[in-house]
Amino acid sequence: MSRICNERSESIDTLFRSILSLENMDECYRFFGDLLTVQELSAFAQRLQVAQMLSDGMTYETIRSEISTSSSTITRVNTALRYGSGGYQMVLERLTK
């Protein structure tokens, strides 16, 4: 189980409810544009991209050659894919439908 599941709080619940209330891509851009810096948003997007590439069977070396990311980020994402709460797999499956 991931750390975040063990650290539930009202503020995190409110954040997640806010995200769930978004109705379209434009609203996502508006909300996340206010909530996150460009660097934070890029980091989250990059982690999801790494998860997709790892799920597709790409090696660390291939991933690093295709996108500018550190080995530690790839390792962190790979660890979450293998031992996490299944969030990456769930989202990746939904994106392919």
N, C-alpha and C. Protein backbone atom coordinates (compact mmCIF):
# COMPACT_ATOMS: atom_id res chain seq x y z
N MET A 1 0.85 -1.18 0.00
CA MET A 1 0.00 0.00 0.00
C MET A 1 0.89 1.24 0.00
N SER A 2 0.49 2.22 -0.75
CA SER A 2 1.30 3.43 -0.86
C SER A 2 1.21 4.27 0.41
N ARG A 3 2.20 5.13 0.57
CA ARG A 3 2.23 6.02 1.74
C ARG A 3 1.03 6.94 1.78
N ILE A 4 0.59 7.40 0.63
CA ILE A 4 -0.50 8.37 0.60
C ILE A 4 -1.80 7.76 1.15
N CYS A 5 -2.00 6.47 0.95
CA CYS A 5 -3.20 5.81 1.48
C CYS A 5 -3.19 5.78 3.00
N ASN A 6 -2.01 5.78 3.58
CA ASN A 6 -1.88 5.76 5.03
C ASN A 6 -1.91 7.15 5.64
N GLU A 7 -1.84 8.19 4.82
CA GLU A 7 -1.77 9.56 5.32
C GLU A 7 -2.95 10.38 4.83
N ARG A 8 -4.14 9.81 4.87
CA ARG A 8 -5.33 10.54 4.44
C ARG A 8 -5.56 11.73 5.36
N SER A 9 -6.05 12.79 4.74
CA SER A 9 -6.38 13.97 5.52
C SER A 9 -7.50 14.71 4.82
N GLU A 10 -8.13 15.60 5.53
CA GLU A 10 -9.22 16.37 4.94
C GLU A 10 -8.72 17.23 3.79
N SER A 11 -7.52 17.80 3.91
CA SER A 11 -7.02 18.65 2.84
C SER A 11 -6.72 17.84 1.58
N ILE A 12 -6.20 16.64 1.73
CA ILE A 12 -5.95 15.79 0.56
C ILE A 12 -7.27 15.33 -0.04
N ASP A 13 -8.24 14.98 0.81
CA ASP A 13 -9.57 14.61 0.30
C ASP A 13 -10.17 15.76 -0.50
N THR A 14 -10.03 16.98 -0.02
CA THR A 14 -10.55 18.15 -0.72
C THR A 14 -9.86 18.33 -2.07
N LEU A 15 -8.54 18.15 -2.09
CA LEU A 15 -7.81 18.23 -3.35
C LEU A 15 -8.34 17.20 -4.34
N PHE A 16 -8.49 15.96 -3.90
CA PHE A 16 -8.96 14.92 -4.80
C PHE A 16 -10.40 15.17 -5.26
N ARG A 17 -11.25 15.65 -4.38
CA ARG A 17 -12.61 16.01 -4.79
C ARG A 17 -12.59 17.12 -5.83
N SER A 18 -11.67 18.06 -5.66
CA SER A 18 -11.52 19.15 -6.63
C SER A 18 -11.14 18.61 -8.00
N ILE A 19 -10.20 17.69 -8.01
CA ILE A 19 -9.77 17.08 -9.28
C ILE A 19 -10.92 16.31 -9.91
N LEU A 20 -11.64 15.55 -9.10
CA LEU A 20 -12.76 14.78 -9.63
C LEU A 20 -13.89 15.67 -10.16
N SER A 21 -13.94 16.92 -9.72
CA SER A 21 -14.99 17.82 -10.19
C SER A 21 -14.70 18.41 -11.57
N LEU A 22 -13.48 18.28 -12.05
CA LEU A 22 -13.12 18.84 -13.35
C LEU A 22 -13.86 18.10 -14.46
N GLU A 23 -14.38 18.85 -15.41
CA GLU A 23 -15.26 18.25 -16.42
C GLU A 23 -14.64 18.09 -17.80
N ASN A 24 -13.55 18.81 -18.08
CA ASN A 24 -12.97 18.68 -19.42
C ASN A 24 -11.50 19.12 -19.39
N MET A 25 -10.84 18.97 -20.52
CA MET A 25 -9.41 19.27 -20.61
C MET A 25 -9.12 20.73 -20.31
N ASP A 26 -9.97 21.64 -20.80
CA ASP A 26 -9.76 23.07 -20.54
C ASP A 26 -9.79 23.36 -19.05
N GLU A 27 -10.74 22.76 -18.34
CA GLU A 27 -10.80 22.95 -16.89
C GLU A 27 -9.56 22.39 -16.21
N CYS A 28 -9.05 21.28 -16.70
CA CYS A 28 -7.82 20.71 -16.15
C CYS A 28 -6.65 21.67 -16.34
N TYR A 29 -6.51 22.22 -17.53
CA TYR A 29 -5.43 23.18 -17.78
C TYR A 29 -5.57 24.39 -16.87
N ARG A 30 -6.78 24.89 -16.70
CA ARG A 30 -6.99 26.06 -15.85
C ARG A 30 -6.66 25.75 -14.39
N PHE A 31 -7.18 24.65 -13.88
CA PHE A 31 -6.97 24.33 -12.47
C PHE A 31 -5.51 24.00 -12.18
N PHE A 32 -4.94 23.10 -12.96
CA PHE A 32 -3.55 22.71 -12.71
C PHE A 32 -2.58 23.83 -13.04
N GLY A 33 -2.97 24.72 -13.95
CA GLY A 33 -2.16 25.90 -14.23
C GLY A 33 -2.06 26.82 -13.03
N ASP A 34 -3.13 26.90 -12.26
CA ASP A 34 -3.12 27.70 -11.04
C ASP A 34 -2.46 26.95 -9.88
N LEU A 35 -2.69 25.65 -9.82
CA LEU A 35 -2.24 24.85 -8.67
C LEU A 35 -0.74 24.58 -8.69
N LEU A 36 -0.21 24.28 -9.87
CA LEU A 36 1.17 23.80 -9.99
C LEU A 36 2.03 24.76 -10.80
N THR A 37 3.32 24.71 -10.55
CA THR A 37 4.25 25.42 -11.42
C THR A 37 4.40 24.61 -12.71
N VAL A 38 4.95 25.23 -13.73
CA VAL A 38 5.19 24.52 -14.99
C VAL A 38 6.10 23.32 -14.75
N GLN A 39 7.10 23.49 -13.90
CA GLN A 39 8.05 22.41 -13.61
C GLN A 39 7.35 21.25 -12.89
N GLU A 40 6.48 21.55 -11.93
CA GLU A 40 5.75 20.50 -11.22
C GLU A 40 4.85 19.72 -12.16
N LEU A 41 4.12 20.43 -12.98
CA LEU A 41 3.22 19.78 -13.93
C LEU A 41 4.01 18.92 -14.92
N SER A 42 5.12 19.44 -15.39
CA SER A 42 5.97 18.67 -16.31
C SER A 42 6.52 17.41 -15.64
N ALA A 43 6.89 17.51 -14.38
CA ALA A 43 7.41 16.36 -13.65
C ALA A 43 6.35 15.27 -13.52
N PHE A 44 5.10 15.65 -13.21
CA PHE A 44 4.02 14.67 -13.11
C PHE A 44 3.75 14.02 -14.46
N ALA A 45 3.70 14.83 -15.50
CA ALA A 45 3.45 14.31 -16.85
C ALA A 45 4.58 13.35 -17.26
N GLN A 46 5.80 13.71 -16.91
CA GLN A 46 6.95 12.88 -17.27
C GLN A 46 6.89 11.54 -16.54
N ARG A 47 6.49 11.52 -15.29
CA ARG A 47 6.38 10.26 -14.55
C ARG A 47 5.36 9.34 -15.20
N LEU A 48 4.24 9.89 -15.63
CA LEU A 48 3.24 9.08 -16.31
C LEU A 48 3.79 8.55 -17.64
N GLN A 49 4.53 9.38 -18.35
CA GLN A 49 5.15 8.96 -19.60
C GLN A 49 6.15 7.82 -19.35
N VAL A 50 6.93 7.94 -18.29
CA VAL A 50 7.88 6.88 -17.93
C VAL A 50 7.13 5.60 -17.60
N ALA A 51 6.04 5.70 -16.85
CA ALA A 51 5.24 4.52 -16.51
C ALA A 51 4.74 3.83 -17.77
N GLN A 52 4.28 4.61 -18.73
CA GLN A 52 3.80 4.03 -19.99
C GLN A 52 4.92 3.32 -20.71
N MET A 53 6.08 3.95 -20.77
CA MET A 53 7.21 3.36 -21.48
C MET A 53 7.69 2.08 -20.79
N LEU A 54 7.73 2.09 -19.46
CA LEU A 54 8.11 0.88 -18.73
C LEU A 54 7.09 -0.23 -18.96
N SER A 55 5.81 0.13 -18.96
CA SER A 55 4.75 -0.85 -19.20
C SER A 55 4.85 -1.44 -20.60
N ASP A 56 5.37 -0.64 -21.52
CA ASP A 56 5.57 -1.11 -22.90
C ASP A 56 6.84 -1.94 -23.04
N GLY A 57 7.58 -2.13 -21.94
CA GLY A 57 8.77 -2.97 -21.97
C GLY A 57 10.06 -2.27 -22.32
N MET A 58 10.04 -0.95 -22.35
CA MET A 58 11.26 -0.21 -22.70
C MET A 58 12.27 -0.28 -21.56
N THR A 59 13.55 -0.26 -21.92
CA THR A 59 14.62 -0.29 -20.93
C THR A 59 14.89 1.12 -20.40
N TYR A 60 15.58 1.17 -19.27
CA TYR A 60 15.97 2.47 -18.71
C TYR A 60 16.75 3.29 -19.74
N GLU A 61 17.67 2.64 -20.44
CA GLU A 61 18.50 3.34 -21.40
C GLU A 61 17.67 3.93 -22.54
N THR A 62 16.71 3.17 -23.02
CA THR A 62 15.84 3.65 -24.10
C THR A 62 15.01 4.84 -23.62
N ILE A 63 14.47 4.73 -22.42
CA ILE A 63 13.66 5.81 -21.86
C ILE A 63 14.50 7.07 -21.72
N ARG A 64 15.70 6.93 -21.16
CA ARG A 64 16.57 8.10 -20.97
C ARG A 64 16.98 8.72 -22.31
N SER A 65 17.09 7.91 -23.35
CA SER A 65 17.47 8.46 -24.65
C SER A 65 16.29 9.17 -25.32
N GLU A 66 15.08 8.79 -24.99
CA GLU A 66 13.90 9.39 -25.62
C GLU A 66 13.37 10.61 -24.88
N ILE A 67 13.48 10.60 -23.56
CA ILE A 67 13.03 11.76 -22.78
C ILE A 67 14.11 12.13 -21.77
N SER A 68 14.15 13.36 -21.42
CA SER A 68 15.18 13.85 -20.50
C SER A 68 14.71 13.60 -19.07
N THR A 69 15.13 12.47 -18.52
CA THR A 69 14.76 12.12 -17.14
C THR A 69 15.91 11.39 -16.48
N SER A 70 15.91 11.42 -15.18
CA SER A 70 17.00 10.77 -14.44
C SER A 70 16.69 9.29 -14.20
N SER A 71 17.75 8.55 -13.95
CA SER A 71 17.59 7.14 -13.60
C SER A 71 16.80 6.99 -12.32
N SER A 72 16.96 7.93 -11.39
CA SER A 72 16.22 7.83 -10.12
C SER A 72 14.72 8.00 -10.34
N THR A 73 14.32 8.85 -11.28
CA THR A 73 12.90 8.99 -11.59
C THR A 73 12.37 7.70 -12.20
N ILE A 74 13.11 7.12 -13.11
CA ILE A 74 12.69 5.86 -13.73
C ILE A 74 12.58 4.77 -12.67
N THR A 75 13.56 4.71 -11.78
CA THR A 75 13.53 3.71 -10.71
C THR A 75 12.34 3.92 -9.79
N ARG A 76 12.07 5.16 -9.43
CA ARG A 76 10.92 5.47 -8.56
C ARG A 76 9.61 5.03 -9.21
N VAL A 77 9.46 5.33 -10.49
CA VAL A 77 8.24 4.95 -11.20
C VAL A 77 8.16 3.43 -11.33
N ASN A 78 9.28 2.79 -11.65
CA ASN A 78 9.30 1.34 -11.78
C ASN A 78 8.94 0.66 -10.46
N THR A 79 9.44 1.19 -9.37
CA THR A 79 9.11 0.64 -8.05
C THR A 79 7.62 0.77 -7.77
N ALA A 80 7.04 1.91 -8.12
CA ALA A 80 5.61 2.11 -7.93
C ALA A 80 4.82 1.15 -8.82
N LEU A 81 5.27 0.94 -10.04
CA LEU A 81 4.59 -0.01 -10.94
C LEU A 81 4.61 -1.42 -10.37
N ARG A 82 5.72 -1.80 -9.80
CA ARG A 82 5.88 -3.18 -9.31
C ARG A 82 5.30 -3.40 -7.92
N TYR A 83 5.45 -2.42 -7.03
CA TYR A 83 5.09 -2.64 -5.63
C TYR A 83 4.10 -1.63 -5.07
N GLY A 84 3.63 -0.72 -5.91
CA GLY A 84 2.72 0.33 -5.44
C GLY A 84 1.29 -0.17 -5.29
N SER A 85 0.39 0.76 -5.27
CA SER A 85 -1.02 0.43 -5.03
C SER A 85 -1.79 0.17 -6.32
N GLY A 86 -1.12 0.15 -7.47
CA GLY A 86 -1.78 -0.16 -8.73
C GLY A 86 -2.35 1.04 -9.46
N GLY A 87 -2.05 2.23 -8.97
CA GLY A 87 -2.60 3.43 -9.58
C GLY A 87 -2.14 3.66 -11.00
N TYR A 88 -0.84 3.47 -11.24
CA TYR A 88 -0.35 3.66 -12.61
C TYR A 88 -1.03 2.68 -13.57
N GLN A 89 -1.08 1.39 -13.19
CA GLN A 89 -1.68 0.39 -14.07
C GLN A 89 -3.14 0.73 -14.37
N MET A 90 -3.86 1.15 -13.34
CA MET A 90 -5.27 1.48 -13.50
C MET A 90 -5.45 2.60 -14.53
N VAL A 91 -4.68 3.66 -14.38
CA VAL A 91 -4.80 4.81 -15.28
C VAL A 91 -4.33 4.45 -16.68
N LEU A 92 -3.23 3.74 -16.79
CA LEU A 92 -2.72 3.36 -18.11
C LEU A 92 -3.71 2.49 -18.86
N GLU A 93 -4.36 1.57 -18.16
CA GLU A 93 -5.38 0.72 -18.79
C GLU A 93 -6.55 1.58 -19.27
N ARG A 94 -6.97 2.53 -18.47
CA ARG A 94 -8.10 3.38 -18.84
C ARG A 94 -7.75 4.28 -20.03
N LEU A 95 -6.51 4.72 -20.11
CA LEU A 95 -6.09 5.56 -21.22
C LEU A 95 -6.07 4.80 -22.55
N THR A 96 -5.86 3.50 -22.50
CA THR A 96 -5.78 2.71 -23.73
C THR A 96 -7.16 2.27 -24.22
N LYS A 97 -8.20 2.47 -23.41
CA LYS A 97 -9.57 2.08 -23.82
C LYS A 97 -10.17 3.10 -24.74
